[in-house]
Amino acid sequence: MKRAQAKEGFGFNEDFTISKFSSEKHMMHLEDGNKNGLRTKVTVKDKNTGEVLFRGHNKTMIPGSEFMAMRLFRIKNEKFITPTYNTQIGLENTVVGTGNEMTMNYHTQIFCLGKDGCNRESAIWYPVTNKRWITPENLVPFQYVPYEKDLNETERTVYFGRKKITSSNHFAYYFKKFDSDPVLKRQFEDGTPFTASVYEDGSELTAQVEVTNSLTVTKDDGRDYFINTTGINDARFNSIELCLAWTNVIGGYTYYQDIRPATRINFPNKYLNDLNAEFEIEYSLYF
């Protein structure tokens, strides 16, 4: 079988110089082999039209690297050294993990939006470094509702990270659950699935394991925060983090604890002043 040709592309280094990469050479590496961490592909689409608005690669953040290292080698008696959004934002019912919940129960199932990944005019989006998270003051709450119109039980299975904003009598919800469970794919580089007989495959096609996730920013997300603070014309997001956390149940509601960024990507501003605009984000991670 003829080997499929590896695709090439271009990207920006951290100093804004252009680098050339090959998908074959960078299919799966940790920090030592690929400064961005795990090889990824992120696609942002207009949910209403299907138009692709942005394609890029995210970067593994320090907690994501710590997590993979500790889980891969079952390293015990080590702790994450980075702060959590729970403590830095002051989320309600915060519990700090100290045992197995920080190892076997820690996982990635929620994400957040930020507005510090690009300049205001959208001309330049900033390179991501693994030691720069979306700062708490630059997070865009998905939901920002008056006390008397708080989310119902069903809505609170989608939105998390609640904080009472006493200055405006609102509840802010900073995190949202993925649209569906992650999907695991085992395939060759041409998309053909492989089976348990993969060790006997005689082709030169590279095999890879891929996990895909689907996220959405709907017309109900993000806007109310800007409407009630700096104005709808300021409504935008330009950064996404997939976040690690573990869960517990308090008062009948699920709470995500010890929330830390696993990965981050920046891109040009996606504006929310169009009240009907919705975005679909597809994540693929290659192992």
Protein backbone atom coordinates (compact mmCIF):
# COMPACT_ATOMS: atom_id res chain seq x y z
CA MET A 1 0.00 0.00 0.00
CA LYS A 2 1.31 3.41 -0.92
CA ARG A 3 2.22 5.57 2.04
CA ALA A 4 0.03 8.64 2.42
CA GLN A 5 1.98 11.88 2.11
CA ALA A 6 2.42 13.75 5.38
CA LYS A 7 0.88 17.18 5.32
CA GLU A 8 2.86 20.28 6.12
CA GLY A 9 1.75 23.54 7.63
CA PHE A 10 2.92 26.72 9.24
CA GLY A 11 2.44 28.29 12.64
CA PHE A 12 3.78 31.03 14.89
CA ASN A 13 6.58 30.57 17.37
CA GLU A 14 6.34 32.40 20.68
CA ASP A 15 8.46 35.24 19.26
CA PHE A 16 6.07 35.51 16.26
CA THR A 17 8.58 34.00 13.82
CA ILE A 18 7.04 31.47 11.46
CA SER A 19 7.80 27.78 11.92
CA LYS A 20 7.15 24.91 9.54
CA PHE A 21 5.85 21.62 10.82
CA SER A 22 4.95 18.22 9.47
CA SER A 23 1.95 16.32 10.77
CA GLU A 24 3.96 13.11 10.50
CA LYS A 25 6.77 14.38 12.71
CA HIS A 26 4.54 16.00 15.33
CA MET A 27 1.70 13.50 15.61
CA MET A 28 2.29 12.72 19.30
CA HIS A 29 4.83 14.25 21.63
CA LEU A 30 4.94 15.63 25.12
CA GLU A 31 6.83 18.81 25.97
CA ASP A 32 10.25 17.36 25.23
CA GLY A 33 9.25 16.58 21.65
CA ASN A 34 6.66 19.27 20.99
CA LYS A 35 6.64 22.51 22.94
CA ASN A 36 2.85 22.68 22.67
CA GLY A 37 2.38 19.41 24.56
CA LEU A 38 0.00 16.88 23.06
CA ARG A 39 -0.66 17.27 19.35
CA THR A 40 -4.09 18.79 18.87
CA LYS A 41 -6.43 20.28 16.31
CA VAL A 42 -9.06 22.86 17.27
CA THR A 43 -11.73 24.08 14.87
CA VAL A 44 -14.11 26.96 15.63
CA LYS A 45 -17.24 27.08 13.46
CA ASP A 46 -20.28 29.27 13.07
CA LYS A 47 -22.88 26.90 14.52
CA ASN A 48 -25.67 28.30 12.36
CA THR A 49 -23.91 28.15 8.99
CA GLY A 50 -21.13 25.60 9.51
CA GLU A 51 -18.53 28.11 8.28
CA VAL A 52 -15.05 27.47 9.68
CA LEU A 53 -13.88 30.61 11.48
CA PHE A 54 -10.57 29.41 12.88
CA ARG A 55 -8.28 26.40 12.95
CA GLY A 56 -5.35 26.04 15.30
CA HIS A 57 -3.57 24.02 17.97
CA ASN A 58 -3.83 24.41 21.71
CA LYS A 59 -1.08 24.16 24.30
CA THR A 60 -0.83 21.88 27.31
CA MET A 61 -0.76 23.97 30.48
CA ILE A 62 1.40 23.19 33.54
CA PRO A 63 -1.42 21.39 35.43
CA GLY A 64 -2.16 19.32 32.32
CA SER A 65 1.48 18.23 32.13
CA GLU A 66 1.57 17.47 35.85
CA PHE A 67 -1.61 15.44 35.57
CA MET A 68 -0.37 13.32 32.66
CA ALA A 69 2.99 12.70 34.33
CA MET A 70 1.44 11.64 37.65
CA ARG A 71 -1.23 9.45 36.04
CA LEU A 72 1.09 7.84 33.49
CA PHE A 73 3.60 6.76 36.13
CA ARG A 74 1.15 6.52 39.07
CA ILE A 75 3.24 8.95 41.05
CA LYS A 76 1.92 9.27 44.58
CA ASN A 77 2.75 11.71 47.37
CA GLU A 78 2.95 14.60 44.90
CA LYS A 79 0.62 17.59 44.76
CA PHE A 80 -0.31 20.13 42.12
CA ILE A 81 1.49 23.37 42.87
CA THR A 82 -0.66 25.74 40.83
CA PRO A 83 -3.70 27.61 42.24
CA THR A 84 -7.27 26.66 41.39
CA TYR A 85 -10.05 28.77 39.96
CA ASN A 86 -12.20 27.75 42.92
CA THR A 87 -10.01 29.55 45.42
CA GLN A 88 -8.92 32.43 43.19
CA ILE A 89 -12.47 33.32 42.09
CA GLY A 90 -14.11 32.39 45.38
CA LEU A 91 -16.57 29.85 44.00
CA GLU A 92 -19.26 28.67 46.38
CA ASN A 93 -18.96 25.35 48.23
CA THR A 94 -15.24 25.07 47.45
CA VAL A 95 -13.56 21.92 48.75
CA VAL A 96 -9.80 21.38 48.46
CA GLY A 97 -8.88 17.82 47.52
CA THR A 98 -6.14 15.99 49.37
CA GLY A 99 -6.59 12.30 48.49
CA ASN A 100 -7.58 10.01 45.61
CA GLU A 101 -9.91 12.63 44.14
CA MET A 102 -6.78 14.47 42.98
CA THR A 103 -5.45 11.46 41.09
CA MET A 104 -7.94 8.82 39.97
CA ASN A 105 -11.00 11.10 40.00
CA TYR A 106 -9.41 14.15 38.38
CA HIS A 107 -10.55 14.52 34.75
CA THR A 108 -11.33 17.00 31.98
CA GLN A 109 -15.02 17.58 31.27
CA ILE A 110 -15.61 21.35 31.53
CA PHE A 111 -14.27 24.44 29.76
CA CYS A 112 -14.15 28.19 30.20
CA LEU A 113 -13.92 31.30 28.03
CA GLY A 114 -11.53 34.23 28.32
CA LYS A 115 -11.03 37.68 26.86
CA ASP A 116 -7.27 38.13 27.31
CA GLY A 117 -6.11 36.06 24.33
CA CYS A 118 -6.28 38.82 21.72
CA ASN A 119 -6.05 42.58 21.43
CA ARG A 120 -9.28 44.58 21.39
CA GLU A 121 -9.20 45.15 17.61
CA SER A 122 -8.75 41.43 16.86
CA ALA A 123 -5.69 42.02 14.68
CA ILE A 124 -3.31 39.97 16.83
CA TRP A 125 -3.96 36.99 19.07
CA TYR A 126 -1.26 36.28 21.60
CA PRO A 127 0.88 33.13 21.78
CA VAL A 128 -0.02 30.83 24.65
CA THR A 129 2.62 29.95 27.22
CA ASN A 130 2.01 27.09 29.61
CA LYS A 131 2.53 29.32 32.66
CA ARG A 132 -0.17 31.87 31.75
CA TRP A 133 -3.75 30.84 32.47
CA ILE A 134 -6.81 32.93 31.75
CA THR A 135 -6.70 35.23 34.75
CA PRO A 136 -9.87 35.16 36.90
CA GLU A 137 -10.71 38.76 36.05
CA ASN A 138 -10.61 37.91 32.33
CA LEU A 139 -12.95 34.93 32.49
CA VAL A 140 -16.28 35.42 30.70
CA PRO A 141 -19.12 33.85 32.73
CA PHE A 142 -21.38 31.70 30.59
CA GLN A 143 -24.35 32.67 32.71
CA TYR A 144 -24.92 35.89 34.67
CA VAL A 145 -28.39 35.84 36.20
CA PRO A 146 -30.24 37.82 38.90
CA TYR A 147 -30.71 36.09 42.23
CA GLU A 148 -34.45 35.70 41.61
CA LYS A 149 -33.89 34.13 38.16
CA ASP A 150 -31.23 31.61 39.07
CA LEU A 151 -30.68 28.54 36.86
CA ASN A 152 -33.00 25.58 37.38
CA GLU A 153 -31.90 22.04 38.22
CA THR A 154 -31.57 20.98 34.58
CA GLU A 155 -29.52 24.05 33.64
CA ARG A 156 -27.23 23.41 36.59
CA THR A 157 -26.21 20.08 35.03
CA VAL A 158 -24.65 22.12 32.21
CA TYR A 159 -23.23 25.24 33.91
CA PHE A 160 -20.91 25.17 36.93
CA GLY A 161 -18.56 27.30 38.99
CA ARG A 162 -21.21 29.48 40.68
CA LYS A 163 -20.31 32.66 42.49
CA LYS A 164 -22.59 35.19 44.15
CA ILE A 165 -21.83 38.70 42.89
CA THR A 166 -23.17 40.76 45.77
CA SER A 167 -22.41 44.11 44.14
CA SER A 168 -24.96 43.46 41.39
CA ASN A 169 -27.20 40.80 43.01
CA HIS A 170 -26.31 38.25 40.34
CA PHE A 171 -25.03 34.68 40.19
CA ALA A 172 -22.15 34.07 37.77
CA TYR A 173 -21.46 30.61 36.29
CA TYR A 174 -17.93 30.43 34.88
CA PHE A 175 -17.71 26.89 33.50
CA LYS A 176 -19.69 24.75 31.09
CA LYS A 177 -19.79 21.00 30.53
CA PHE A 178 -18.81 19.48 27.18
CA ASP A 179 -21.75 18.79 24.88
CA SER A 180 -21.11 15.04 24.96
CA ASP A 181 -18.72 12.49 26.35
CA PRO A 182 -15.29 12.35 24.65
CA VAL A 183 -15.05 9.89 21.74
CA LEU A 184 -12.02 7.60 21.43
CA LYS A 185 -10.85 6.71 17.92
CA ARG A 186 -8.13 4.20 16.95
CA GLN A 187 -7.15 4.79 13.35
CA PHE A 188 -4.46 5.03 10.71
CA GLU A 189 -3.44 8.44 9.43
CA ASP A 190 -5.87 8.09 6.51
CA GLY A 191 -8.81 7.68 8.93
CA THR A 192 -9.20 3.91 8.53
CA PRO A 193 -9.88 2.20 11.91
CA PHE A 194 -7.37 -0.40 13.05
CA THR A 195 -8.08 -3.54 15.05
CA ALA A 196 -6.28 -5.87 17.44
CA SER A 197 -4.27 -7.16 14.45
CA VAL A 198 -2.56 -3.76 14.04
CA TYR A 199 0.83 -5.27 14.88
CA GLU A 200 0.55 -7.35 11.71
CA ASP A 201 -0.36 -4.44 9.44
CA GLY A 202 2.02 -4.35 6.51
CA SER A 203 1.37 -0.80 5.34
CA GLU A 204 3.51 2.23 6.09
CA LEU A 205 0.53 4.19 7.41
CA THR A 206 1.10 5.64 10.87
CA ALA A 207 -1.36 4.54 13.56
CA GLN A 208 -2.76 7.02 16.03
CA VAL A 209 -5.21 7.25 18.91
CA GLU A 210 -7.49 10.28 18.81
CA VAL A 211 -9.95 11.71 21.33
CA THR A 212 -12.56 14.17 20.06
CA ASN A 213 -14.66 16.59 22.08
CA SER A 214 -17.48 18.91 21.06
CA LEU A 215 -18.19 22.22 22.81
CA THR A 216 -20.70 24.96 22.06
CA VAL A 217 -21.13 28.61 22.89
CA THR A 218 -24.83 29.29 22.32
CA LYS A 219 -26.82 32.50 21.97
CA ASP A 220 -27.60 32.18 25.69
CA ASP A 221 -23.93 32.15 26.73
CA GLY A 222 -21.72 35.06 27.73
CA ARG A 223 -23.84 38.00 26.66
CA ASP A 224 -25.70 38.74 29.89
CA TYR A 225 -22.43 39.37 31.69
CA PHE A 226 -21.47 42.14 29.25
CA ILE A 227 -25.00 43.55 29.07
CA ASN A 228 -24.92 44.02 32.84
CA THR A 229 -21.33 45.30 33.09
CA THR A 230 -19.39 46.92 30.23
CA GLY A 231 -22.08 46.81 27.52
CA ILE A 232 -23.05 44.46 24.69
CA ASN A 233 -20.65 46.13 22.24
CA ASP A 234 -17.80 44.83 24.40
CA ALA A 235 -19.10 41.24 24.29
CA ARG A 236 -16.44 38.84 23.00
CA PHE A 237 -14.24 35.87 23.80
CA ASN A 238 -10.86 34.95 22.35
CA SER A 239 -9.51 32.13 24.48
CA ILE A 240 -10.67 28.69 25.62
CA GLU A 241 -9.32 26.42 28.34
CA LEU A 242 -10.24 22.79 28.86
CA CYS A 243 -10.15 22.27 32.61
CA LEU A 244 -9.28 19.51 35.04
CA ALA A 245 -11.50 18.96 38.08
CA TRP A 246 -13.12 16.36 40.32
CA THR A 247 -16.74 16.38 41.41
CA ASN A 248 -18.79 16.07 44.55
CA VAL A 249 -22.45 16.62 45.36
CA ILE A 250 -23.57 19.27 47.84
CA GLY A 251 -27.23 20.03 48.48
CA GLY A 252 -28.27 17.91 45.51
CA TYR A 253 -26.06 19.79 43.01
CA THR A 254 -22.80 18.70 41.39
CA TYR A 255 -19.79 20.91 42.07
CA TYR A 256 -16.47 20.80 40.22
CA GLN A 257 -13.57 21.15 42.65
CA ASP A 258 -9.88 22.08 42.24
CA ILE A 259 -10.49 23.45 38.75
CA ARG A 260 -7.25 23.97 36.83
CA PRO A 261 -6.52 24.53 33.11
CA ALA A 262 -5.35 21.44 31.21
CA THR A 263 -5.00 23.14 27.81
CA ARG A 264 -5.44 26.62 26.34
CA ILE A 265 -5.86 28.13 22.89
CA ASN A 266 -6.07 31.80 21.81
CA PHE A 267 -7.62 33.10 18.58
CA PRO A 268 -9.08 36.28 17.05
CA ASN A 269 -12.09 37.77 18.83
CA LYS A 270 -15.40 35.98 18.47
CA TYR A 271 -18.01 38.67 19.02
CA LEU A 272 -21.22 38.16 20.98
CA ASN A 273 -22.93 41.45 20.15
CA ASP A 274 -24.81 39.56 17.43
CA LEU A 275 -27.49 38.10 19.68
CA ASN A 276 -28.03 35.11 17.38
CA ALA A 277 -24.38 34.15 16.91
CA GLU A 278 -23.48 30.66 18.12
CA PHE A 279 -20.18 28.81 17.95
CA GLU A 280 -19.25 25.16 17.76
CA ILE A 281 -15.76 24.13 18.82
CA GLU A 282 -14.32 20.75 17.84
CA TYR A 283 -11.29 19.47 19.74
CA SER A 284 -9.11 16.57 18.59
CA LEU A 285 -6.18 15.33 20.69
CA TYR A 286 -3.71 12.85 19.21
CA PHE A 287 -1.81 10.32 21.31
